[in-house]
Amino acid sequence: MRYSVSTNTDFDNAILDPQIGCWYMKQNVVAFKGLCQVRADRDTYFGGEESRPYKSRVLLDPTWRQLFLLAKKQQQATKDMHHDFFEGFYDTGKDDHSAHSRNLPVRIINLALGS
């Protein structure tokens, strides 16, 4: 995973790195409020036949640092080493009640990884 940058940036919580000319999020800032789970489909085009889907544990108010770490785990699961920049995340708009032991709504988010 290369340098973590975010294009999904709240500039009040971001820092400009003059060496690379990019904004990045302060790692201890909450990225998503509420219950969520990171998911990614299997990708045989970039990950080959050994690619498998990724599903994180259920998270409550994950920070940018937690999402950075999950991006690495997702990359290892899907075997997609081509997309190795963490660019942010996007909300799928879908909840999964079966992901939580008490059937609470868990928002499904996808990480935006670029090349």
PDB file of N, CA and C in Angstrom:
ATOM      1  N   MET A   1       0.861  -1.171   0.000  1.00  0.00           N
ATOM      2  CA  MET A   1       0.000   0.000   0.000  1.00  0.00           C
ATOM      3  C   MET A   1       0.904   1.229   0.000  1.00  0.00           C
ATOM      4  N   ARG A   2       0.706   2.077  -0.961  1.00  0.00           N
ATOM      5  CA  ARG A   2       1.508   3.291  -1.025  1.00  0.00           C
ATOM      6  C   ARG A   2       0.923   4.358  -0.110  1.00  0.00           C
ATOM      7  N   TYR A   3       1.476   5.535  -0.172  1.00  0.00           N
ATOM      8  CA  TYR A   3       1.091   6.655   0.684  1.00  0.00           C
ATOM      9  C   TYR A   3      -0.420   6.844   0.683  1.00  0.00           C
ATOM     10  N   SER A   4      -0.995   6.975   1.828  1.00  0.00           N
ATOM     11  CA  SER A   4      -2.447   7.104   1.952  1.00  0.00           C
ATOM     12  C   SER A   4      -2.885   8.539   1.750  1.00  0.00           C
ATOM     13  N   VAL A   5      -3.667   8.756   0.723  1.00  0.00           N
ATOM     14  CA  VAL A   5      -4.237  10.074   0.468  1.00  0.00           C
ATOM     15  C   VAL A   5      -5.745   9.939   0.383  1.00  0.00           C
ATOM     16  N   SER A   6      -6.421  11.001   0.624  1.00  0.00           N
ATOM     17  CA  SER A   6      -7.874  10.974   0.566  1.00  0.00           C
ATOM     18  C   SER A   6      -8.370  12.003  -0.425  1.00  0.00           C
ATOM     19  N   THR A   7      -9.209  11.584  -1.358  1.00  0.00           N
ATOM     20  CA  THR A   7      -9.876  12.534  -2.241  1.00  0.00           C
ATOM     21  C   THR A   7     -11.282  12.816  -1.727  1.00  0.00           C
ATOM     22  N   ASN A   8     -11.679  12.087  -0.694  1.00  0.00           N
ATOM     23  CA  ASN A   8     -12.976  12.279  -0.048  1.00  0.00           C
ATOM     24  C   ASN A   8     -12.701  13.113   1.212  1.00  0.00           C
ATOM     25  N   THR A   9     -12.225  14.329   1.002  1.00  0.00           N
ATOM     26  CA  THR A   9     -11.606  15.077   2.083  1.00  0.00           C
ATOM     27  C   THR A   9     -12.474  16.170   2.664  1.00  0.00           C
ATOM     28  N   ASP A  10     -12.539  16.203   3.979  1.00  0.00           N
ATOM     29  CA  ASP A  10     -13.084  17.315   4.740  1.00  0.00           C
ATOM     30  C   ASP A  10     -11.866  18.166   5.089  1.00  0.00           C
ATOM     31  N   PHE A  11     -11.647  19.271   4.380  1.00  0.00           N
ATOM     32  CA  PHE A  11     -10.392  20.002   4.495  1.00  0.00           C
ATOM     33  C   PHE A  11     -10.152  20.602   5.879  1.00  0.00           C
ATOM     34  N   ASP A  12     -11.189  20.723   6.715  1.00  0.00           N
ATOM     35  CA  ASP A  12     -10.972  21.195   8.078  1.00  0.00           C
ATOM     36  C   ASP A  12     -10.205  20.164   8.898  1.00  0.00           C
ATOM     37  N   ASN A  13     -10.307  18.910   8.525  1.00  0.00           N
ATOM     38  CA  ASN A  13      -9.644  17.839   9.255  1.00  0.00           C
ATOM     39  C   ASN A  13      -8.451  17.266   8.495  1.00  0.00           C
ATOM     40  N   ALA A  14      -8.014  17.945   7.462  1.00  0.00           N
ATOM     41  CA  ALA A  14      -6.942  17.421   6.622  1.00  0.00           C
ATOM     42  C   ALA A  14      -5.670  18.251   6.767  1.00  0.00           C
ATOM     43  N   ILE A  15      -4.595  17.667   6.305  1.00  0.00           N
ATOM     44  CA  ILE A  15      -3.284  18.310   6.336  1.00  0.00           C
ATOM     45  C   ILE A  15      -2.720  18.252   4.926  1.00  0.00           C
ATOM     46  N   LEU A  16      -2.107  19.340   4.459  1.00  0.00           N
ATOM     47  CA  LEU A  16      -1.457  19.345   3.161  1.00  0.00           C
ATOM     48  C   LEU A  16      -0.012  18.918   3.339  1.00  0.00           C
ATOM     49  N   ASP A  17       0.400  17.911   2.613  1.00  0.00           N
ATOM     50  CA  ASP A  17       1.788  17.467   2.632  1.00  0.00           C
ATOM     51  C   ASP A  17       2.484  18.115   1.441  1.00  0.00           C
ATOM     52  N   PRO A  18       3.344  19.110   1.667  1.00  0.00           N
ATOM     53  CA  PRO A  18       3.958  19.827   0.548  1.00  0.00           C
ATOM     54  C   PRO A  18       4.916  18.967  -0.277  1.00  0.00           C
ATOM     55  N   GLN A  19       5.433  17.889   0.300  1.00  0.00           N
ATOM     56  CA  GLN A  19       6.361  17.034  -0.449  1.00  0.00           C
ATOM     57  C   GLN A  19       5.665  16.307  -1.592  1.00  0.00           C
ATOM     58  N   ILE A  20       4.425  15.918  -1.388  1.00  0.00           N
ATOM     59  CA  ILE A  20       3.717  15.204  -2.450  1.00  0.00           C
ATOM     60  C   ILE A  20       2.573  16.022  -3.038  1.00  0.00           C
ATOM     61  N   GLY A  21       2.293  17.169  -2.429  1.00  0.00           N
ATOM     62  CA  GLY A  21       1.258  18.046  -2.942  1.00  0.00           C
ATOM     63  C   GLY A  21      -0.150  17.511  -2.790  1.00  0.00           C
ATOM     64  N   CYS A  22      -0.370  16.674  -1.775  1.00  0.00           N
ATOM     65  CA  CYS A  22      -1.684  16.078  -1.563  1.00  0.00           C
ATOM     66  C   CYS A  22      -2.168  16.349  -0.150  1.00  0.00           C
ATOM     67  N   TRP A  23      -3.481  16.350  -0.028  1.00  0.00           N
ATOM     68  CA  TRP A  23      -4.109  16.426   1.276  1.00  0.00           C
ATOM     69  C   TRP A  23      -4.240  15.028   1.830  1.00  0.00           C
ATOM     70  N   TYR A  24      -4.092  14.877   3.105  1.00  0.00           N
ATOM     71  CA  TYR A  24      -4.399  13.592   3.722  1.00  0.00           C
ATOM     72  C   TYR A  24      -5.096  13.843   5.046  1.00  0.00           C
ATOM     73  N   MET A  25      -5.858  12.860   5.465  1.00  0.00           N
ATOM     74  CA  MET A  25      -6.650  13.010   6.674  1.00  0.00           C
ATOM     75  C   MET A  25      -5.797  12.761   7.909  1.00  0.00           C
ATOM     76  N   LYS A  26      -6.071  13.519   8.962  1.00  0.00           N
ATOM     77  CA  LYS A  26      -5.466  13.199  10.246  1.00  0.00           C
ATOM     78  C   LYS A  26      -5.983  11.829  10.640  1.00  0.00           C
ATOM     79  N   GLN A  27      -5.093  10.950  10.999  1.00  0.00           N
ATOM     80  CA  GLN A  27      -5.465   9.554  11.171  1.00  0.00           C
ATOM     81  C   GLN A  27      -6.389   9.288  12.348  1.00  0.00           C
ATOM     82  N   ASN A  28      -6.420  10.156  13.346  1.00  0.00           N
ATOM     83  CA  ASN A  28      -7.264   9.902  14.515  1.00  0.00           C
ATOM     84  C   ASN A  28      -8.653  10.513  14.389  1.00  0.00           C
ATOM     85  N   VAL A  29      -8.989  11.069  13.246  1.00  0.00           N
ATOM     86  CA  VAL A  29     -10.292  11.680  13.015  1.00  0.00           C
ATOM     87  C   VAL A  29     -11.269  10.593  12.563  1.00  0.00           C
ATOM     88  N   VAL A  30     -12.475  10.612  13.111  1.00  0.00           N
ATOM     89  CA  VAL A  30     -13.507   9.649  12.722  1.00  0.00           C
ATOM     90  C   VAL A  30     -13.855   9.880  11.256  1.00  0.00           C
ATOM     91  N   ALA A  31     -13.811   8.815  10.471  1.00  0.00           N
ATOM     92  CA  ALA A  31     -14.105   8.901   9.041  1.00  0.00           C
ATOM     93  C   ALA A  31     -15.580   8.658   8.752  1.00  0.00           C
ATOM     94  N   PHE A  32     -16.184   7.754   9.511  1.00  0.00           N
ATOM     95  CA  PHE A  32     -17.585   7.399   9.313  1.00  0.00           C
ATOM     96  C   PHE A  32     -18.243   7.279  10.675  1.00  0.00           C
ATOM     97  N   LYS A  33     -19.370   7.946  10.859  1.00  0.00           N
ATOM     98  CA  LYS A  33     -20.064   7.893  12.138  1.00  0.00           C
ATOM     99  C   LYS A  33     -21.134   6.798  12.097  1.00  0.00           C
ATOM    100  N   GLY A  34     -21.081   5.931  13.108  1.00  0.00           N
ATOM    101  CA  GLY A  34     -22.064   4.864  13.209  1.00  0.00           C
ATOM    102  C   GLY A  34     -21.459   3.498  12.957  1.00  0.00           C
ATOM    103  N   LEU A  35     -22.343   2.504  12.891  1.00  0.00           N
ATOM    104  CA  LEU A  35     -21.915   1.136  12.607  1.00  0.00           C
ATOM    105  C   LEU A  35     -21.700   0.966  11.114  1.00  0.00           C
ATOM    106  N   CYS A  36     -20.595   0.334  10.740  1.00  0.00           N
ATOM    107  CA  CYS A  36     -20.340   0.090   9.330  1.00  0.00           C
ATOM    108  C   CYS A  36     -19.491  -1.164   9.152  1.00  0.00           C
ATOM    109  N   GLN A  37     -19.436  -1.609   7.935  1.00  0.00           N
ATOM    110  CA  GLN A  37     -18.601  -2.752   7.584  1.00  0.00           C
ATOM    111  C   GLN A  37     -18.031  -2.491   6.192  1.00  0.00           C
ATOM    112  N   VAL A  38     -16.732  -2.726   6.051  1.00  0.00           N
ATOM    113  CA  VAL A  38     -16.065  -2.559   4.762  1.00  0.00           C
ATOM    114  C   VAL A  38     -16.183  -3.865   3.990  1.00  0.00           C
ATOM    115  N   ARG A  39     -16.589  -3.758   2.727  1.00  0.00           N
ATOM    116  CA  ARG A  39     -16.703  -4.940   1.882  1.00  0.00           C
ATOM    117  C   ARG A  39     -16.102  -4.662   0.510  1.00  0.00           C
ATOM    118  N   ALA A  40     -15.588  -5.723  -0.095  1.00  0.00           N
ATOM    119  CA  ALA A  40     -15.065  -5.645  -1.460  1.00  0.00           C
ATOM    120  C   ALA A  40     -15.320  -6.979  -2.140  1.00  0.00           C
ATOM    121  N   ASP A  41     -15.680  -6.917  -3.409  1.00  0.00           N
ATOM    122  CA  ASP A  41     -15.898  -8.129  -4.190  1.00  0.00           C
ATOM    123  C   ASP A  41     -14.573  -8.751  -4.603  1.00  0.00           C
ATOM    124  N   ARG A  42     -14.638 -10.003  -4.905  1.00  0.00           N
ATOM    125  CA  ARG A  42     -13.511 -10.726  -5.491  1.00  0.00           C
ATOM    126  C   ARG A  42     -13.209 -10.080  -6.843  1.00  0.00           C
ATOM    127  N   ASP A  43     -11.934  -9.967  -7.193  1.00  0.00           N
ATOM    128  CA  ASP A  43     -11.554  -9.324  -8.447  1.00  0.00           C
ATOM    129  C   ASP A  43     -10.519 -10.181  -9.166  1.00  0.00           C
ATOM    130  N   THR A  44     -10.981 -11.067 -10.034  1.00  0.00           N
ATOM    131  CA  THR A  44     -10.044 -11.959 -10.718  1.00  0.00           C
ATOM    132  C   THR A  44      -9.260 -11.244 -11.815  1.00  0.00           C
ATOM    133  N   TYR A  45      -9.754 -10.102 -12.297  1.00  0.00           N
ATOM    134  CA  TYR A  45      -9.017  -9.368 -13.328  1.00  0.00           C
ATOM    135  C   TYR A  45      -7.700  -8.835 -12.760  1.00  0.00           C
ATOM    136  N   PHE A  46      -7.772  -8.144 -11.632  1.00  0.00           N
ATOM    137  CA  PHE A  46      -6.560  -7.584 -11.023  1.00  0.00           C
ATOM    138  C   PHE A  46      -5.933  -8.519  -9.991  1.00  0.00           C
ATOM    139  N   GLY A  47      -6.731  -9.382  -9.390  1.00  0.00           N
ATOM    140  CA  GLY A  47      -6.237 -10.225  -8.313  1.00  0.00           C
ATOM    141  C   GLY A  47      -5.957 -11.665  -8.687  1.00  0.00           C
ATOM    142  N   GLY A  48      -6.376 -12.069  -9.875  1.00  0.00           N
ATOM    143  CA  GLY A  48      -6.138 -13.437 -10.301  1.00  0.00           C
ATOM    144  C   GLY A  48      -7.136 -14.410  -9.685  1.00  0.00           C
ATOM    145  N   GLU A  49      -6.907 -15.664  -9.956  1.00  0.00           N
ATOM    146  CA  GLU A  49      -7.820 -16.704  -9.487  1.00  0.00           C
ATOM    147  C   GLU A  49      -7.824 -16.870  -7.968  1.00  0.00           C
ATOM    148  N   GLU A  50      -6.767 -16.434  -7.304  1.00  0.00           N
ATOM    149  CA  GLU A  50      -6.694 -16.556  -5.847  1.00  0.00           C
ATOM    150  C   GLU A  50      -7.421 -15.424  -5.123  1.00  0.00           C
ATOM    151  N   SER A  51      -7.949 -14.468  -5.865  1.00  0.00           N
ATOM    152  CA  SER A  51      -8.686 -13.358  -5.272  1.00  0.00           C
ATOM    153  C   SER A  51      -9.906 -13.882  -4.535  1.00  0.00           C
ATOM    154  N   ARG A  52     -10.183 -13.261  -3.395  1.00  0.00           N
ATOM    155  CA  ARG A  52     -11.393 -13.628  -2.659  1.00  0.00           C
ATOM    156  C   ARG A  52     -12.062 -12.355  -2.138  1.00  0.00           C
ATOM    157  N   PRO A  53     -13.360 -12.411  -1.842  1.00  0.00           N
ATOM    158  CA  PRO A  53     -14.042 -11.217  -1.342  1.00  0.00           C
ATOM    159  C   PRO A  53     -13.517 -10.832   0.037  1.00  0.00           C
ATOM    160  N   TYR A  54     -13.692  -9.560   0.363  1.00  0.00           N
ATOM    161  CA  TYR A  54     -13.251  -9.065   1.670  1.00  0.00           C
ATOM    162  C   TYR A  54     -14.445  -8.525   2.433  1.00  0.00           C
ATOM    163  N   LYS A  55     -14.491  -8.851   3.718  1.00  0.00           N
ATOM    164  CA  LYS A  55     -15.522  -8.320   4.608  1.00  0.00           C
ATOM    165  C   LYS A  55     -14.849  -8.077   5.956  1.00  0.00           C
ATOM    166  N   SER A  56     -14.853  -6.819   6.405  1.00  0.00           N
ATOM    167  CA  SER A  56     -14.246  -6.495   7.702  1.00  0.00           C
ATOM    168  C   SER A  56     -15.193  -6.880   8.829  1.00  0.00           C
ATOM    169  N   ARG A  57     -14.716  -6.764  10.033  1.00  0.00           N
ATOM    170  CA  ARG A  57     -15.607  -6.901  11.186  1.00  0.00           C
ATOM    171  C   ARG A  57     -16.487  -5.655  11.227  1.00  0.00           C
ATOM    172  N   VAL A  58     -17.524  -5.683  12.006  1.00  0.00           N
ATOM    173  CA  VAL A  58     -18.392  -4.514  12.160  1.00  0.00           C
ATOM    174  C   VAL A  58     -17.640  -3.477  12.990  1.00  0.00           C
ATOM    175  N   LEU A  59     -17.652  -2.247  12.519  1.00  0.00           N
ATOM    176  CA  LEU A  59     -16.921  -1.148  13.153  1.00  0.00           C
ATOM    177  C   LEU A  59     -17.895  -0.092  13.656  1.00  0.00           C
ATOM    178  N   LEU A  60     -17.536   0.557  14.746  1.00  0.00           N
ATOM    179  CA  LEU A  60     -18.296   1.686  15.264  1.00  0.00           C
ATOM    180  C   LEU A  60     -17.412   2.913  15.194  1.00  0.00           C
ATOM    181  N   ASP A  61     -17.849   3.910  14.434  1.00  0.00           N
ATOM    182  CA  ASP A  61     -17.119   5.175  14.284  1.00  0.00           C
ATOM    183  C   ASP A  61     -15.644   4.951  13.924  1.00  0.00           C
ATOM    184  N   PRO A  62     -15.341   4.270  12.810  1.00  0.00           N
ATOM    185  CA  PRO A  62     -13.937   4.028  12.465  1.00  0.00           C
ATOM    186  C   PRO A  62     -13.198   5.317  12.125  1.00  0.00           C
ATOM    187  N   THR A  63     -11.943   5.363  12.500  1.00  0.00           N
ATOM    188  CA  THR A  63     -11.087   6.507  12.175  1.00  0.00           C
ATOM    189  C   THR A  63     -10.445   6.269  10.815  1.00  0.00           C
ATOM    190  N   TRP A  64      -9.832   7.320  10.286  1.00  0.00           N
ATOM    191  CA  TRP A  64      -9.116   7.173   9.024  1.00  0.00           C
ATOM    192  C   TRP A  64      -7.998   6.141   9.178  1.00  0.00           C
ATOM    193  N   ARG A  65      -7.344   6.106  10.317  1.00  0.00           N
ATOM    194  CA  ARG A  65      -6.272   5.132  10.533  1.00  0.00           C
ATOM    195  C   ARG A  65      -6.815   3.705  10.421  1.00  0.00           C
ATOM    196  N   GLN A  66      -7.961   3.444  11.014  1.00  0.00           N
ATOM    197  CA  GLN A  66      -8.554   2.111  10.921  1.00  0.00           C
ATOM    198  C   GLN A  66      -8.873   1.757   9.466  1.00  0.00           C
ATOM    199  N   LEU A  67      -9.395   2.722   8.716  1.00  0.00           N
ATOM    200  CA  LEU A  67      -9.705   2.456   7.311  1.00  0.00           C
ATOM    201  C   LEU A  67      -8.434   2.223   6.494  1.00  0.00           C
ATOM    202  N   PHE A  68      -7.351   2.943   6.821  1.00  0.00           N
ATOM    203  CA  PHE A  68      -6.072   2.700   6.139  1.00  0.00           C
ATOM    204  C   PHE A  68      -5.646   1.253   6.344  1.00  0.00           C
ATOM    205  N   LEU A  69      -5.747   0.773   7.585  1.00  0.00           N
ATOM    206  CA  LEU A  69      -5.342  -0.599   7.896  1.00  0.00           C
ATOM    207  C   LEU A  69      -6.251  -1.614   7.194  1.00  0.00           C
ATOM    208  N   LEU A  70      -7.531  -1.312   7.127  1.00  0.00           N
ATOM    209  CA  LEU A  70      -8.454  -2.211   6.432  1.00  0.00           C
ATOM    210  C   LEU A  70      -8.192  -2.224   4.928  1.00  0.00           C
ATOM    211  N   ALA A  71      -7.716  -1.107   4.389  1.00  0.00           N
ATOM    212  CA  ALA A  71      -7.379  -1.068   2.964  1.00  0.00           C
ATOM    213  C   ALA A  71      -6.273  -2.081   2.659  1.00  0.00           C
ATOM    214  N   LYS A  72      -5.304  -2.190   3.539  1.00  0.00           N
ATOM    215  CA  LYS A  72      -4.225  -3.163   3.359  1.00  0.00           C
ATOM    216  C   LYS A  72      -4.776  -4.586   3.444  1.00  0.00           C
ATOM    217  N   LYS A  73      -5.648  -4.842   4.407  1.00  0.00           N
ATOM    218  CA  LYS A  73      -6.243  -6.177   4.539  1.00  0.00           C
ATOM    219  C   LYS A  73      -7.103  -6.513   3.321  1.00  0.00           C
ATOM    220  N   GLN A  74      -7.833  -5.522   2.833  1.00  0.00           N
ATOM    221  CA  GLN A  74      -8.652  -5.738   1.633  1.00  0.00           C
ATOM    222  C   GLN A  74      -7.760  -6.082   0.452  1.00  0.00           C
ATOM    223  N   GLN A  75      -6.682  -5.351   0.304  1.00  0.00           N
ATOM    224  CA  GLN A  75      -5.752  -5.594  -0.795  1.00  0.00           C
ATOM    225  C   GLN A  75      -5.177  -7.015  -0.719  1.00  0.00           C
ATOM    226  N   GLN A  76      -4.865  -7.470   0.480  1.00  0.00           N
ATOM    227  CA  GLN A  76      -4.328  -8.815   0.651  1.00  0.00           C
ATOM    228  C   GLN A  76      -5.377  -9.878   0.313  1.00  0.00           C
ATOM    229  N   ALA A  77      -6.631  -9.641   0.658  1.00  0.00           N
ATOM    230  CA  ALA A  77      -7.692 -10.613   0.388  1.00  0.00           C
ATOM    231  C   ALA A  77      -8.023 -10.682  -1.101  1.00  0.00           C
ATOM    232  N   THR A  78      -8.173  -9.524  -1.726  1.00  0.00           N
ATOM    233  CA  THR A  78      -8.557  -9.501  -3.137  1.00  0.00           C
ATOM    234  C   THR A  78      -7.365  -9.739  -4.058  1.00  0.00           C
ATOM    235  N   LYS A  79      -6.153  -9.655  -3.513  1.00  0.00           N
ATOM    236  CA  LYS A  79      -4.908  -9.840  -4.280  1.00  0.00           C
ATOM    237  C   LYS A  79      -4.729  -8.775  -5.359  1.00  0.00           C
ATOM    238  N   ASP A  80      -5.454  -7.680  -5.244  1.00  0.00           N
ATOM    239  CA  ASP A  80      -5.362  -6.587  -6.215  1.00  0.00           C
ATOM    240  C   ASP A  80      -4.244  -5.643  -5.776  1.00  0.00           C
ATOM    241  N   MET A  81      -3.043  -5.895  -6.270  1.00  0.00           N
ATOM    242  CA  MET A  81      -1.896  -5.065  -5.916  1.00  0.00           C
ATOM    243  C   MET A  81      -1.752  -3.876  -6.866  1.00  0.00           C
ATOM    244  N   HIS A  82      -2.586  -3.842  -7.905  1.00  0.00           N
ATOM    245  CA  HIS A  82      -2.553  -2.732  -8.857  1.00  0.00           C
ATOM    246  C   HIS A  82      -3.122  -1.458  -8.230  1.00  0.00           C
ATOM    247  N   HIS A  83      -4.189  -1.590  -7.479  1.00  0.00           N
ATOM    248  CA  HIS A  83      -4.827  -0.444  -6.825  1.00  0.00           C
ATOM    249  C   HIS A  83      -4.278  -0.329  -5.410  1.00  0.00           C
ATOM    250  N   ASP A  84      -3.252   0.478  -5.252  1.00  0.00           N
ATOM    251  CA  ASP A  84      -2.570   0.533  -3.962  1.00  0.00           C
ATOM    252  C   ASP A  84      -2.512   1.927  -3.354  1.00  0.00           C
ATOM    253  N   PHE A  85      -3.377   2.834  -3.808  1.00  0.00           N
ATOM    254  CA  PHE A  85      -3.551   4.131  -3.158  1.00  0.00           C
ATOM    255  C   PHE A  85      -4.907   4.139  -2.472  1.00  0.00           C
ATOM    256  N   PHE A  86      -4.922   4.451  -1.189  1.00  0.00           N
ATOM    257  CA  PHE A  86      -6.191   4.626  -0.485  1.00  0.00           C
ATOM    258  C   PHE A  86      -6.659   6.044  -0.768  1.00  0.00           C
ATOM    259  N   GLU A  87      -7.806   6.178  -1.397  1.00  0.00           N
ATOM    260  CA  GLU A  87      -8.314   7.489  -1.790  1.00  0.00           C
ATOM    261  C   GLU A  87      -9.504   7.940  -0.968  1.00  0.00           C
ATOM    262  N   GLY A  88     -10.035   7.072  -0.137  1.00  0.00           N
ATOM    263  CA  GLY A  88     -11.194   7.420   0.668  1.00  0.00           C
ATOM    264  C   GLY A  88     -12.150   6.249   0.712  1.00  0.00           C
ATOM    265  N   PHE A  89     -13.412   6.552   0.898  1.00  0.00           N
ATOM    266  CA  PHE A  89     -14.432   5.504   0.921  1.00  0.00           C
ATOM    267  C   PHE A  89     -15.718   6.082   0.357  1.00  0.00           C
ATOM    268  N   TYR A  90     -16.615   5.193   0.006  1.00  0.00           N
ATOM    269  CA  TYR A  90     -17.941   5.664  -0.374  1.00  0.00           C
ATOM    270  C   TYR A  90     -18.996   4.785   0.269  1.00  0.00           C
ATOM    271  N   ASP A  91     -20.077   5.420   0.592  1.00  0.00           N
ATOM    272  CA  ASP A  91     -21.211   4.799   1.259  1.00  0.00           C
ATOM    273  C   ASP A  91     -22.093   4.162   0.196  1.00  0.00           C
ATOM    274  N   THR A  92     -22.353   2.880   0.311  1.00  0.00           N
ATOM    275  CA  THR A  92     -23.188   2.192  -0.676  1.00  0.00           C
ATOM    276  C   THR A  92     -24.658   2.551  -0.527  1.00  0.00           C
ATOM    277  N   GLY A  93     -25.026   3.115   0.623  1.00  0.00           N
ATOM    278  CA  GLY A  93     -26.431   3.423   0.880  1.00  0.00           C
ATOM    279  C   GLY A  93     -27.228   2.202   1.310  1.00  0.00           C
ATOM    280  N   LYS A  94     -26.525   1.093   1.548  1.00  0.00           N
ATOM    281  CA  LYS A  94     -27.202  -0.148   1.930  1.00  0.00           C
ATOM    282  C   LYS A  94     -26.837  -0.531   3.350  1.00  0.00           C
ATOM    283  N   ASP A  95     -27.824  -1.034   4.077  1.00  0.00           N
ATOM    284  CA  ASP A  95     -27.612  -1.543   5.425  1.00  0.00           C
ATOM    285  C   ASP A  95     -27.749  -3.053   5.417  1.00  0.00           C
ATOM    286  N   ASP A  96     -27.004  -3.710   6.298  1.00  0.00           N
ATOM    287  CA  ASP A  96     -27.100  -5.155   6.458  1.00  0.00           C
ATOM    288  C   ASP A  96     -27.404  -5.426   7.925  1.00  0.00           C
ATOM    289  N   HIS A  97     -28.623  -5.851   8.211  1.00  0.00           N
ATOM    290  CA  HIS A  97     -29.017  -6.136   9.590  1.00  0.00           C
ATOM    291  C   HIS A  97     -28.432  -7.459  10.085  1.00  0.00           C
ATOM    292  N   SER A  98     -28.095  -8.357   9.179  1.00  0.00           N
ATOM    293  CA  SER A  98     -27.562  -9.659   9.591  1.00  0.00           C
ATOM    294  C   SER A  98     -26.095  -9.594  10.007  1.00  0.00           C
ATOM    295  N   ALA A  99     -25.410  -8.480   9.752  1.00  0.00           N
ATOM    296  CA  ALA A  99     -23.994  -8.354  10.099  1.00  0.00           C
ATOM    297  C   ALA A  99     -23.786  -8.127  11.594  1.00  0.00           C
ATOM    298  N   HIS A 100     -24.819  -7.679  12.290  1.00  0.00           N
ATOM    299  CA  HIS A 100     -24.711  -7.373  13.716  1.00  0.00           C
ATOM    300  C   HIS A 100     -25.479  -8.415  14.528  1.00  0.00           C
ATOM    301  N   SER A 101     -24.919  -8.798  15.665  1.00  0.00           N
ATOM    302  CA  SER A 101     -25.536  -9.848  16.493  1.00  0.00           C
ATOM    303  C   SER A 101     -26.921  -9.456  17.018  1.00  0.00           C
ATOM    304  N   ARG A 102     -27.188  -8.162  17.137  1.00  0.00           N
ATOM    305  CA  ARG A 102     -28.500  -7.701  17.607  1.00  0.00           C
ATOM    306  C   ARG A 102     -29.377  -7.200  16.467  1.00  0.00           C
ATOM    307  N   ASN A 103     -28.999  -7.532  15.258  1.00  0.00           N
ATOM    308  CA  ASN A 103     -29.736  -7.126  14.059  1.00  0.00           C
ATOM    309  C   ASN A 103     -29.856  -5.618  13.896  1.00  0.00           C
ATOM    310  N   LEU A 104     -28.879  -4.883  14.402  1.00  0.00           N
ATOM    311  CA  LEU A 104     -28.854  -3.434  14.196  1.00  0.00           C
ATOM    312  C   LEU A 104     -28.413  -3.152  12.762  1.00  0.00           C
ATOM    313  N   PRO A 105     -28.844  -2.036  12.205  1.00  0.00           N
ATOM    314  CA  PRO A 105     -28.429  -1.724  10.832  1.00  0.00           C
ATOM    315  C   PRO A 105     -26.937  -1.379  10.766  1.00  0.00           C
ATOM    316  N   VAL A 106     -26.234  -2.076   9.912  1.00  0.00           N
ATOM    317  CA  VAL A 106     -24.812  -1.842   9.696  1.00  0.00           C
ATOM    318  C   VAL A 106     -24.650  -1.351   8.265  1.00  0.00           C
ATOM    319  N   ARG A 107     -24.135  -0.122   8.116  1.00  0.00           N
ATOM    320  CA  ARG A 107     -23.974   0.468   6.795  1.00  0.00           C
ATOM    321  C   ARG A 107     -22.787  -0.195   6.087  1.00  0.00           C
ATOM    322  N   ILE A 108     -22.985  -0.563   4.842  1.00  0.00           N
ATOM    323  CA  ILE A 108     -21.925  -1.168   4.049  1.00  0.00           C
ATOM    324  C   ILE A 108     -21.187  -0.050   3.323  1.00  0.00           C
ATOM    325  N   ILE A 109     -19.874  -0.001   3.496  1.00  0.00           N
ATOM    326  CA  ILE A 109     -19.054   0.983   2.801  1.00  0.00           C
ATOM    327  C   ILE A 109     -18.001   0.246   1.978  1.00  0.00           C
ATOM    328  N   ASN A 110     -17.574   0.900   0.917  1.00  0.00           N
ATOM    329  CA  ASN A 110     -16.509   0.388   0.061  1.00  0.00           C
ATOM    330  C   ASN A 110     -15.353   1.360   0.122  1.00  0.00           C
ATOM    331  N   LEU A 111     -14.147   0.828   0.134  1.00  0.00           N
ATOM    332  CA  LEU A 111     -12.964   1.675   0.099  1.00  0.00           C
ATOM    333  C   LEU A 111     -12.643   2.014  -1.352  1.00  0.00           C
ATOM    334  N   ALA A 112     -12.254   3.242  -1.569  1.00  0.00           N
ATOM    335  CA  ALA A 112     -11.842   3.676  -2.895  1.00  0.00           C
ATOM    336  C   ALA A 112     -10.333   3.525  -2.981  1.00  0.00           C
ATOM    337  N   LEU A 113      -9.890   2.551  -3.756  1.00  0.00           N
ATOM    338  CA  LEU A 113      -8.468   2.314  -3.946  1.00  0.00           C
ATOM    339  C   LEU A 113      -8.140   2.623  -5.405  1.00  0.00           C
ATOM    340  N   GLY A 114      -7.095   3.382  -5.614  1.00  0.00           N
ATOM    341  CA  GLY A 114      -6.716   3.774  -6.972  1.00  0.00           C
ATOM    342  C   GLY A 114      -5.308   3.334  -7.307  1.00  0.00           C
ATOM    343  N   SER A 115      -4.927   3.615  -8.535  1.00  0.00           N
ATOM    344  CA  SER A 115      -3.590   3.220  -8.980  1.00  0.00           C
ATOM    345  C   SER A 115      -2.744   4.435  -9.301  1.00  0.00           C
TER     346      SER A 115
END
